[in-house]
Amino acid sequence: MPISSGFFIALYLVFALVGLFGAARAEGYLNAFSLMLLAFALWMAFGVIKRHFDAKQPH
């Protein structure tokens, strides 16, 4: 896995943690925003991982 992919996975995990802690502490609209940030970060991190494994498979 390239270093850039590892960097982006780590960045998205930081976003996910911010979303998780934000959702635990916030109320109302900020809670919804935090949950969307968490979902976005997990979706993007899994996208990077999927791209890595798709590139390894022979066509």
PDB file of N, CA and C in Angstrom:
ATOM      1  N   MET A   1       0.860  -1.175   0.000  1.00  0.00           N
ATOM      2  CA  MET A   1       0.000   0.000   0.000  1.00  0.00           C
ATOM      3  C   MET A   1       0.904   1.235   0.000  1.00  0.00           C
ATOM      4  N   PRO A   2       0.628   2.175  -0.885  1.00  0.00           N
ATOM      5  CA  PRO A   2       1.444   3.387  -0.919  1.00  0.00           C
ATOM      6  C   PRO A   2       1.321   4.203   0.369  1.00  0.00           C
ATOM      7  N   ILE A   3       2.313   5.013   0.611  1.00  0.00           N
ATOM      8  CA  ILE A   3       2.322   5.846   1.810  1.00  0.00           C
ATOM      9  C   ILE A   3       1.153   6.822   1.804  1.00  0.00           C
ATOM     10  N   SER A   4       0.796   7.327   0.634  1.00  0.00           N
ATOM     11  CA  SER A   4      -0.311   8.282   0.554  1.00  0.00           C
ATOM     12  C   SER A   4      -1.631   7.635   0.972  1.00  0.00           C
ATOM     13  N   SER A   5      -1.847   6.374   0.616  1.00  0.00           N
ATOM     14  CA  SER A   5      -3.069   5.686   1.033  1.00  0.00           C
ATOM     15  C   SER A   5      -3.104   5.531   2.546  1.00  0.00           C
ATOM     16  N   GLY A   6      -1.982   5.194   3.125  1.00  0.00           N
ATOM     17  CA  GLY A   6      -1.917   5.090   4.588  1.00  0.00           C
ATOM     18  C   GLY A   6      -2.181   6.419   5.259  1.00  0.00           C
ATOM     19  N   PHE A   7      -1.669   7.487   4.666  1.00  0.00           N
ATOM     20  CA  PHE A   7      -1.913   8.816   5.215  1.00  0.00           C
ATOM     21  C   PHE A   7      -3.398   9.161   5.175  1.00  0.00           C
ATOM     22  N   PHE A   8      -4.051   8.886   4.047  1.00  0.00           N
ATOM     23  CA  PHE A   8      -5.463   9.218   3.934  1.00  0.00           C
ATOM     24  C   PHE A   8      -6.333   8.350   4.839  1.00  0.00           C
ATOM     25  N   ILE A   9      -5.969   7.086   5.021  1.00  0.00           N
ATOM     26  CA  ILE A   9      -6.715   6.247   5.952  1.00  0.00           C
ATOM     27  C   ILE A   9      -6.591   6.816   7.366  1.00  0.00           C
ATOM     28  N   ALA A  10      -5.392   7.216   7.764  1.00  0.00           N
ATOM     29  CA  ALA A  10      -5.207   7.804   9.090  1.00  0.00           C
ATOM     30  C   ALA A  10      -5.988   9.112   9.230  1.00  0.00           C
ATOM     31  N   LEU A  11      -5.995   9.928   8.186  1.00  0.00           N
ATOM     32  CA  LEU A  11      -6.740  11.186   8.215  1.00  0.00           C
ATOM     33  C   LEU A  11      -8.232  10.927   8.359  1.00  0.00           C
ATOM     34  N   TYR A  12      -8.755   9.959   7.608  1.00  0.00           N
ATOM     35  CA  TYR A  12     -10.177   9.645   7.698  1.00  0.00           C
ATOM     36  C   TYR A  12     -10.528   9.054   9.059  1.00  0.00           C
ATOM     37  N   LEU A  13      -9.624   8.313   9.662  1.00  0.00           N
ATOM     38  CA  LEU A  13      -9.893   7.784  11.003  1.00  0.00           C
ATOM     39  C   LEU A  13      -9.925   8.899  12.043  1.00  0.00           C
ATOM     40  N   VAL A  14      -9.108   9.921  11.848  1.00  0.00           N
ATOM     41  CA  VAL A  14      -9.175  11.089  12.738  1.00  0.00           C
ATOM     42  C   VAL A  14     -10.517  11.792  12.568  1.00  0.00           C
ATOM     43  N   PHE A  15     -10.971  11.942  11.320  1.00  0.00           N
ATOM     44  CA  PHE A  15     -12.291  12.527  11.086  1.00  0.00           C
ATOM     45  C   PHE A  15     -13.379  11.701  11.750  1.00  0.00           C
ATOM     46  N   ALA A  16     -13.250  10.374  11.663  1.00  0.00           N
ATOM     47  CA  ALA A  16     -14.246   9.491  12.277  1.00  0.00           C
ATOM     48  C   ALA A  16     -14.265   9.659  13.792  1.00  0.00           C
ATOM     49  N   LEU A  17     -13.104   9.791  14.399  1.00  0.00           N
ATOM     50  CA  LEU A  17     -13.055   9.996  15.851  1.00  0.00           C
ATOM     51  C   LEU A  17     -13.655  11.336  16.242  1.00  0.00           C
ATOM     52  N   VAL A  18     -13.389  12.359  15.470  1.00  0.00           N
ATOM     53  CA  VAL A  18     -13.986  13.669  15.741  1.00  0.00           C
ATOM     54  C   VAL A  18     -15.503  13.580  15.621  1.00  0.00           C
ATOM     55  N   GLY A  19     -15.986  12.891  14.604  1.00  0.00           N
ATOM     56  CA  GLY A  19     -17.427  12.706  14.447  1.00  0.00           C
ATOM     57  C   GLY A  19     -18.028  11.897  15.573  1.00  0.00           C
ATOM     58  N   LEU A  20     -17.325  10.860  16.002  1.00  0.00           N
ATOM     59  CA  LEU A  20     -17.828  10.019  17.089  1.00  0.00           C
ATOM     60  C   LEU A  20     -17.903  10.786  18.401  1.00  0.00           C
ATOM     61  N   PHE A  21     -16.847  11.500  18.748  1.00  0.00           N
ATOM     62  CA  PHE A  21     -16.855  12.272  19.993  1.00  0.00           C
ATOM     63  C   PHE A  21     -17.816  13.457  19.899  1.00  0.00           C
ATOM     64  N   GLY A  22     -17.929  14.041  18.717  1.00  0.00           N
ATOM     65  CA  GLY A  22     -18.884  15.128  18.533  1.00  0.00           C
ATOM     66  C   GLY A  22     -20.312  14.655  18.694  1.00  0.00           C
ATOM     67  N   ALA A  23     -20.616  13.469  18.167  1.00  0.00           N
ATOM     68  CA  ALA A  23     -21.966  12.923  18.300  1.00  0.00           C
ATOM     69  C   ALA A  23     -22.289  12.568  19.741  1.00  0.00           C
ATOM     70  N   ALA A  24     -21.289  12.192  20.502  1.00  0.00           N
ATOM     71  CA  ALA A  24     -21.517  11.840  21.902  1.00  0.00           C
ATOM     72  C   ALA A  24     -21.793  13.073  22.757  1.00  0.00           C
ATOM     73  N   ARG A  25     -21.229  14.206  22.397  1.00  0.00           N
ATOM     74  CA  ARG A  25     -21.355  15.401  23.230  1.00  0.00           C
ATOM     75  C   ARG A  25     -22.390  16.405  22.740  1.00  0.00           C
ATOM     76  N   ALA A  26     -22.745  16.362  21.471  1.00  0.00           N
ATOM     77  CA  ALA A  26     -23.562  17.425  20.879  1.00  0.00           C
ATOM     78  C   ALA A  26     -25.052  17.106  20.968  1.00  0.00           C
ATOM     79  N   GLU A  27     -25.838  18.121  20.638  1.00  0.00           N
ATOM     80  CA  GLU A  27     -27.284  17.982  20.568  1.00  0.00           C
ATOM     81  C   GLU A  27     -27.771  18.656  19.291  1.00  0.00           C
ATOM     82  N   GLY A  28     -28.877  18.179  18.765  1.00  0.00           N
ATOM     83  CA  GLY A  28     -29.521  18.834  17.629  1.00  0.00           C
ATOM     84  C   GLY A  28     -28.754  18.689  16.342  1.00  0.00           C
ATOM     85  N   TYR A  29     -28.613  19.818  15.663  1.00  0.00           N
ATOM     86  CA  TYR A  29     -27.990  19.815  14.338  1.00  0.00           C
ATOM     87  C   TYR A  29     -26.526  19.405  14.385  1.00  0.00           C
ATOM     88  N   LEU A  30     -25.824  19.768  15.438  1.00  0.00           N
ATOM     89  CA  LEU A  30     -24.425  19.391  15.534  1.00  0.00           C
ATOM     90  C   LEU A  30     -24.282  17.881  15.698  1.00  0.00           C
ATOM     91  N   ASN A  31     -25.238  17.251  16.351  1.00  0.00           N
ATOM     92  CA  ASN A  31     -25.226  15.802  16.481  1.00  0.00           C
ATOM     93  C   ASN A  31     -25.388  15.155  15.106  1.00  0.00           C
ATOM     94  N   ALA A  32     -26.316  15.646  14.310  1.00  0.00           N
ATOM     95  CA  ALA A  32     -26.515  15.107  12.963  1.00  0.00           C
ATOM     96  C   ALA A  32     -25.274  15.329  12.101  1.00  0.00           C
ATOM     97  N   PHE A  33     -24.668  16.504  12.202  1.00  0.00           N
ATOM     98  CA  PHE A  33     -23.451  16.781  11.450  1.00  0.00           C
ATOM     99  C   PHE A  33     -22.328  15.830  11.858  1.00  0.00           C
ATOM    100  N   SER A  34     -22.197  15.577  13.140  1.00  0.00           N
ATOM    101  CA  SER A  34     -21.148  14.679  13.627  1.00  0.00           C
ATOM    102  C   SER A  34     -21.361  13.259  13.124  1.00  0.00           C
ATOM    103  N   LEU A  35     -22.608  12.806  13.104  1.00  0.00           N
ATOM    104  CA  LEU A  35     -22.877  11.466  12.594  1.00  0.00           C
ATOM    105  C   LEU A  35     -22.612  11.383  11.099  1.00  0.00           C
ATOM    106  N   MET A  36     -22.929  12.442  10.360  1.00  0.00           N
ATOM    107  CA  MET A  36     -22.629  12.453   8.930  1.00  0.00           C
ATOM    108  C   MET A  36     -21.117  12.499   8.688  1.00  0.00           C
ATOM    109  N   LEU A  37     -20.388  13.217   9.527  1.00  0.00           N
ATOM    110  CA  LEU A  37     -18.933  13.245   9.415  1.00  0.00           C
ATOM    111  C   LEU A  37     -18.351  11.863   9.683  1.00  0.00           C
ATOM    112  N   LEU A  38     -18.874  11.185  10.670  1.00  0.00           N
ATOM    113  CA  LEU A  38     -18.439   9.814  10.977  1.00  0.00           C
ATOM    114  C   LEU A  38     -18.713   8.889   9.801  1.00  0.00           C
ATOM    115  N   ALA A  39     -19.913   8.946   9.251  1.00  0.00           N
ATOM    116  CA  ALA A  39     -20.266   8.083   8.118  1.00  0.00           C
ATOM    117  C   ALA A  39     -19.401   8.399   6.898  1.00  0.00           C
ATOM    118  N   PHE A  40     -19.178   9.675   6.624  1.00  0.00           N
ATOM    119  CA  PHE A  40     -18.341  10.071   5.495  1.00  0.00           C
ATOM    120  C   PHE A  40     -16.915   9.546   5.651  1.00  0.00           C
ATOM    121  N   ALA A  41     -16.367   9.692   6.834  1.00  0.00           N
ATOM    122  CA  ALA A  41     -14.988   9.264   7.069  1.00  0.00           C
ATOM    123  C   ALA A  41     -14.845   7.753   6.907  1.00  0.00           C
ATOM    124  N   LEU A  42     -15.794   6.990   7.426  1.00  0.00           N
ATOM    125  CA  LEU A  42     -15.719   5.537   7.285  1.00  0.00           C
ATOM    126  C   LEU A  42     -15.899   5.117   5.832  1.00  0.00           C
ATOM    127  N   TRP A  43     -16.811   5.783   5.124  1.00  0.00           N
ATOM    128  CA  TRP A  43     -17.044   5.472   3.718  1.00  0.00           C
ATOM    129  C   TRP A  43     -15.782   5.738   2.893  1.00  0.00           C
ATOM    130  N   MET A  44     -15.127   6.859   3.141  1.00  0.00           N
ATOM    131  CA  MET A  44     -13.921   7.195   2.385  1.00  0.00           C
ATOM    132  C   MET A  44     -12.763   6.256   2.740  1.00  0.00           C
ATOM    133  N   ALA A  45     -12.602   5.917   4.015  1.00  0.00           N
ATOM    134  CA  ALA A  45     -11.524   5.006   4.416  1.00  0.00           C
ATOM    135  C   ALA A  45     -11.710   3.634   3.776  1.00  0.00           C
ATOM    136  N   PHE A  46     -12.936   3.116   3.801  1.00  0.00           N
ATOM    137  CA  PHE A  46     -13.176   1.829   3.161  1.00  0.00           C
ATOM    138  C   PHE A  46     -13.017   1.925   1.647  1.00  0.00           C
ATOM    139  N   GLY A  47     -13.281   3.080   1.072  1.00  0.00           N
ATOM    140  CA  GLY A  47     -13.050   3.284  -0.350  1.00  0.00           C
ATOM    141  C   GLY A  47     -11.577   3.198  -0.708  1.00  0.00           C
ATOM    142  N   VAL A  48     -10.720   3.754   0.130  1.00  0.00           N
ATOM    143  CA  VAL A  48      -9.274   3.670  -0.103  1.00  0.00           C
ATOM    144  C   VAL A  48      -8.808   2.219  -0.001  1.00  0.00           C
ATOM    145  N   ILE A  49      -9.322   1.508   0.987  1.00  0.00           N
ATOM    146  CA  ILE A  49      -8.944   0.096   1.158  1.00  0.00           C
ATOM    147  C   ILE A  49      -9.438  -0.729  -0.032  1.00  0.00           C
ATOM    148  N   LYS A  50     -10.671  -0.475  -0.484  1.00  0.00           N
ATOM    149  CA  LYS A  50     -11.218  -1.197  -1.629  1.00  0.00           C
ATOM    150  C   LYS A  50     -10.389  -0.920  -2.882  1.00  0.00           C
ATOM    151  N   ARG A  51      -9.996   0.320  -3.089  1.00  0.00           N
ATOM    152  CA  ARG A  51      -9.187   0.681  -4.251  1.00  0.00           C
ATOM    153  C   ARG A  51      -7.859  -0.080  -4.237  1.00  0.00           C
ATOM    154  N   HIS A  52      -7.289  -0.255  -3.046  1.00  0.00           N
ATOM    155  CA  HIS A  52      -6.022  -0.985  -2.927  1.00  0.00           C
ATOM    156  C   HIS A  52      -6.205  -2.434  -3.338  1.00  0.00           C
ATOM    157  N   PHE A  53      -7.262  -3.094  -2.841  1.00  0.00           N
ATOM    158  CA  PHE A  53      -7.458  -4.500  -3.165  1.00  0.00           C
ATOM    159  C   PHE A  53      -7.927  -4.702  -4.604  1.00  0.00           C
ATOM    160  N   ASP A  54      -8.664  -3.744  -5.156  1.00  0.00           N
ATOM    161  CA  ASP A  54      -9.051  -3.845  -6.563  1.00  0.00           C
ATOM    162  C   ASP A  54      -7.828  -3.736  -7.476  1.00  0.00           C
ATOM    163  N   ALA A  55      -6.865  -2.940  -7.091  1.00  0.00           N
ATOM    164  CA  ALA A  55      -5.663  -2.791  -7.910  1.00  0.00           C
ATOM    165  C   ALA A  55      -4.788  -4.054  -7.865  1.00  0.00           C
ATOM    166  N   LYS A  56      -4.872  -4.822  -6.783  1.00  0.00           N
ATOM    167  CA  LYS A  56      -4.066  -6.028  -6.659  1.00  0.00           C
ATOM    168  C   LYS A  56      -4.633  -7.196  -7.449  1.00  0.00           C
ATOM    169  N   GLN A  57      -5.936  -7.189  -7.747  1.00  0.00           N
ATOM    170  CA  GLN A  57      -6.546  -8.313  -8.455  1.00  0.00           C
ATOM    171  C   GLN A  57      -6.185  -8.260  -9.931  1.00  0.00           C
ATOM    172  N   PRO A  58      -5.854  -9.409 -10.508  1.00  0.00           N
ATOM    173  CA  PRO A  58      -5.589  -9.447 -11.959  1.00  0.00           C
ATOM    174  C   PRO A  58      -6.892  -9.300 -12.729  1.00  0.00           C
ATOM    175  N   HIS A  59      -6.811  -8.664 -13.878  1.00  0.00           N
ATOM    176  CA  HIS A  59      -8.017  -8.440 -14.690  1.00  0.00           C
ATOM    177  C   HIS A  59      -8.137  -9.449 -15.761  1.00  0.00           C
TER     178      HIS A  59
END
